């Protein structure tokens, strides 16, 4: 049986931290260049194995980050270059969560 990972959707502006460093990934809380196509088996910050996929609306299809449910550490699903390209595509998107039909939803791994 395939394990199901929870997917959460958000707008880019809602995920950014308050401080602005000029580096979009740092502003999002991503501090390293490592990426994982699948959710990591263990968080390098707190050793938890509980992750969810974070989808930024307008930034590709599906989640582009894995987020630790225990400490909120974000890990990229794609390379830094690809992640930044997807995030730039989503930077001007506006939507009202009241208009969303299916968030959060589940995706088979």
C-alpha atoms as a PDB file:
ATOM      1  CA  UNK A   1       0.000   0.000   0.000  1.00  0.00           C
ATOM      2  CA  UNK A   2       1.303   3.459  -0.894  1.00  0.00           C
ATOM      3  CA  UNK A   3       1.771   5.935   1.925  1.00  0.00           C
ATOM      4  CA  UNK A   4      -0.175   9.179   1.540  1.00  0.00           C
ATOM      5  CA  UNK A   5       1.444  12.523   2.305  1.00  0.00           C
ATOM      6  CA  UNK A   6      -0.673  15.518   3.188  1.00  0.00           C
ATOM      7  CA  UNK A   7      -0.434  18.471   0.796  1.00  0.00           C
ATOM      8  CA  UNK A   8      -1.094  22.007   2.011  1.00  0.00           C
ATOM      9  CA  UNK A   9      -1.652  24.914  -0.361  1.00  0.00           C
ATOM     10  CA  UNK A  10      -0.658  28.500   0.173  1.00  0.00           C
ATOM     11  CA  UNK A  11       0.142  31.711  -1.643  1.00  0.00           C
ATOM     12  CA  UNK A  12       3.780  32.751  -1.843  1.00  0.00           C
ATOM     13  CA  UNK A  13       3.137  35.978   0.080  1.00  0.00           C
ATOM     14  CA  UNK A  14       1.635  33.979   2.964  1.00  0.00           C
ATOM     15  CA  UNK A  15       4.687  31.734   3.320  1.00  0.00           C
ATOM     16  CA  UNK A  16       7.384  34.435   3.399  1.00  0.00           C
ATOM     17  CA  UNK A  17       8.849  35.468   6.722  1.00  0.00           C
ATOM     18  CA  UNK A  18       8.505  39.115   7.758  1.00  0.00           C
ATOM     19  CA  UNK A  19      12.176  40.054   7.319  1.00  0.00           C
ATOM     20  CA  UNK A  20      13.372  40.582   3.759  1.00  0.00           C
ATOM     21  CA  UNK A  21      16.963  39.612   3.051  1.00  0.00           C
ATOM     22  CA  UNK A  22      16.893  39.955  -0.734  1.00  0.00           C
ATOM     23  CA  UNK A  23      17.172  36.161  -1.060  1.00  0.00           C
ATOM     24  CA  UNK A  24      13.742  34.659  -1.683  1.00  0.00           C
ATOM     25  CA  UNK A  25      14.638  31.195  -0.392  1.00  0.00           C
ATOM     26  CA  UNK A  26      16.086  32.569   2.858  1.00  0.00           C
ATOM     27  CA  UNK A  27      12.958  34.724   3.243  1.00  0.00           C
ATOM     28  CA  UNK A  28      10.962  31.495   2.964  1.00  0.00           C
ATOM     29  CA  UNK A  29      13.073  29.776   5.617  1.00  0.00           C
ATOM     30  CA  UNK A  30      15.058  27.530   3.248  1.00  0.00           C
ATOM     31  CA  UNK A  31      18.651  27.640   4.437  1.00  0.00           C
ATOM     32  CA  UNK A  32      20.394  24.979   2.336  1.00  0.00           C
ATOM     33  CA  UNK A  33      20.617  23.951  -1.314  1.00  0.00           C
ATOM     34  CA  UNK A  34      19.784  20.269  -0.786  1.00  0.00           C
ATOM     35  CA  UNK A  35      16.647  18.988  -2.469  1.00  0.00           C
ATOM     36  CA  UNK A  36      14.638  15.760  -2.255  1.00  0.00           C
ATOM     37  CA  UNK A  37      12.233  14.463  -4.919  1.00  0.00           C
ATOM     38  CA  UNK A  38      10.500  12.477  -2.157  1.00  0.00           C
ATOM     39  CA  UNK A  39       9.872  13.596   1.417  1.00  0.00           C
ATOM     40  CA  UNK A  40      13.045  13.114   3.483  1.00  0.00           C
ATOM     41  CA  UNK A  41      13.141  10.136   5.790  1.00  0.00           C
ATOM     42  CA  UNK A  42      14.338  12.317   8.671  1.00  0.00           C
ATOM     43  CA  UNK A  43      14.565  16.037   9.416  1.00  0.00           C
ATOM     44  CA  UNK A  44      18.177  17.183   9.776  1.00  0.00           C
ATOM     45  CA  UNK A  45      17.115  19.779  12.350  1.00  0.00           C
ATOM     46  CA  UNK A  46      14.932  17.757  14.769  1.00  0.00           C
ATOM     47  CA  UNK A  47      15.135  14.127  13.492  1.00  0.00           C
ATOM     48  CA  UNK A  48      11.362  13.895  12.955  1.00  0.00           C
ATOM     49  CA  UNK A  49      10.064  11.710  10.120  1.00  0.00           C
ATOM     50  CA  UNK A  50       6.764  13.621   9.818  1.00  0.00           C
ATOM     51  CA  UNK A  51       6.688  15.828   6.698  1.00  0.00           C
ATOM     52  CA  UNK A  52       3.976  17.381   4.542  1.00  0.00           C
ATOM     53  CA  UNK A  53       4.173  18.750   1.010  1.00  0.00           C
ATOM     54  CA  UNK A  54       3.742  22.522   0.634  1.00  0.00           C
ATOM     55  CA  UNK A  55       2.249  23.665  -2.648  1.00  0.00           C
ATOM     56  CA  UNK A  56       2.672  27.322  -3.551  1.00  0.00           C
ATOM     57  CA  UNK A  57      -0.240  28.201  -5.797  1.00  0.00           C
ATOM     58  CA  UNK A  58       0.969  29.175  -9.253  1.00  0.00           C
ATOM     59  CA  UNK A  59       4.418  27.622  -8.678  1.00  0.00           C
ATOM     60  CA  UNK A  60       4.287  24.496 -10.806  1.00  0.00           C
ATOM     61  CA  UNK A  61       2.040  21.528 -10.134  1.00  0.00           C
ATOM     62  CA  UNK A  62       2.029  19.973  -6.697  1.00  0.00           C
ATOM     63  CA  UNK A  63       4.264  20.663  -3.724  1.00  0.00           C
ATOM     64  CA  UNK A  64       7.633  22.363  -4.193  1.00  0.00           C
ATOM     65  CA  UNK A  65       8.721  22.070  -0.539  1.00  0.00           C
ATOM     66  CA  UNK A  66       8.663  19.358   2.092  1.00  0.00           C
ATOM     67  CA  UNK A  67       7.984  20.820   5.550  1.00  0.00           C
ATOM     68  CA  UNK A  68       8.713  19.126   8.861  1.00  0.00           C
ATOM     69  CA  UNK A  69       5.530  18.985  10.942  1.00  0.00           C
ATOM     70  CA  UNK A  70       7.545  19.225  14.162  1.00  0.00           C
ATOM     71  CA  UNK A  71       9.976  22.130  13.556  1.00  0.00           C
ATOM     72  CA  UNK A  72       8.721  23.689  10.259  1.00  0.00           C
ATOM     73  CA  UNK A  73      12.067  23.213   8.450  1.00  0.00           C
ATOM     74  CA  UNK A  74      11.489  23.524   4.688  1.00  0.00           C
ATOM     75  CA  UNK A  75      13.349  21.361   2.192  1.00  0.00           C
ATOM     76  CA  UNK A  76      13.207  21.964  -1.566  1.00  0.00           C
ATOM     77  CA  UNK A  77      11.682  19.279  -3.759  1.00  0.00           C
ATOM     78  CA  UNK A  78      13.543  20.593  -6.825  1.00  0.00           C
ATOM     79  CA  UNK A  79      16.935  22.167  -7.483  1.00  0.00           C
ATOM     80  CA  UNK A  80      17.448  25.753  -6.348  1.00  0.00           C
ATOM     81  CA  UNK A  81      17.289  26.995  -9.948  1.00  0.00           C
ATOM     82  CA  UNK A  82      14.003  25.197 -10.685  1.00  0.00           C
ATOM     83  CA  UNK A  83      12.487  26.188  -7.323  1.00  0.00           C
ATOM     84  CA  UNK A  84      13.293  29.868  -7.917  1.00  0.00           C
ATOM     85  CA  UNK A  85      11.820  29.695 -11.427  1.00  0.00           C
ATOM     86  CA  UNK A  86       8.574  28.250 -10.038  1.00  0.00           C
ATOM     87  CA  UNK A  87       8.460  30.825  -7.226  1.00  0.00           C
ATOM     88  CA  UNK A  88       9.007  33.703  -9.644  1.00  0.00           C
ATOM     89  CA  UNK A  89       6.044  32.458 -11.698  1.00  0.00           C
ATOM     90  CA  UNK A  90       3.893  32.597  -8.549  1.00  0.00           C
ATOM     91  CA  UNK A  91       5.130  35.944  -7.201  1.00  0.00           C
ATOM     92  CA  UNK A  92       2.291  38.020  -8.685  1.00  0.00           C
ATOM     93  CA  UNK A  93      -0.535  35.543  -8.059  1.00  0.00           C
ATOM     94  CA  UNK A  94      -3.459  36.614  -5.896  1.00  0.00           C
ATOM     95  CA  UNK A  95      -6.294  34.402  -4.763  1.00  0.00           C
ATOM     96  CA  UNK A  96      -8.795  34.234  -1.953  1.00  0.00           C
ATOM     97  CA  UNK A  97      -8.704  30.994   0.090  1.00  0.00           C
ATOM     98  CA  UNK A  98     -12.517  31.213   0.187  1.00  0.00           C
ATOM     99  CA  UNK A  99     -12.477  30.417  -3.538  1.00  0.00           C
ATOM    100  CA  UNK A 100     -10.505  27.191  -3.119  1.00  0.00           C
ATOM    101  CA  UNK A 101     -12.478  23.970  -3.582  1.00  0.00           C
ATOM    102  CA  UNK A 102     -10.056  21.271  -2.518  1.00  0.00           C
ATOM    103  CA  UNK A 103      -7.398  22.428  -0.043  1.00  0.00           C
ATOM    104  CA  UNK A 104      -5.922  20.662   1.738  1.00  0.00           C
ATOM    105  CA  UNK A 105      -6.080  17.501  -0.325  1.00  0.00           C
ATOM    106  CA  UNK A 106      -4.253  14.191  -0.304  1.00  0.00           C
ATOM    107  CA  UNK A 107      -1.859  12.873  -2.936  1.00  0.00           C
ATOM    108  CA  UNK A 108      -0.591   9.315  -3.360  1.00  0.00           C
ATOM    109  CA  UNK A 109       3.197   8.923  -3.152  1.00  0.00           C
END
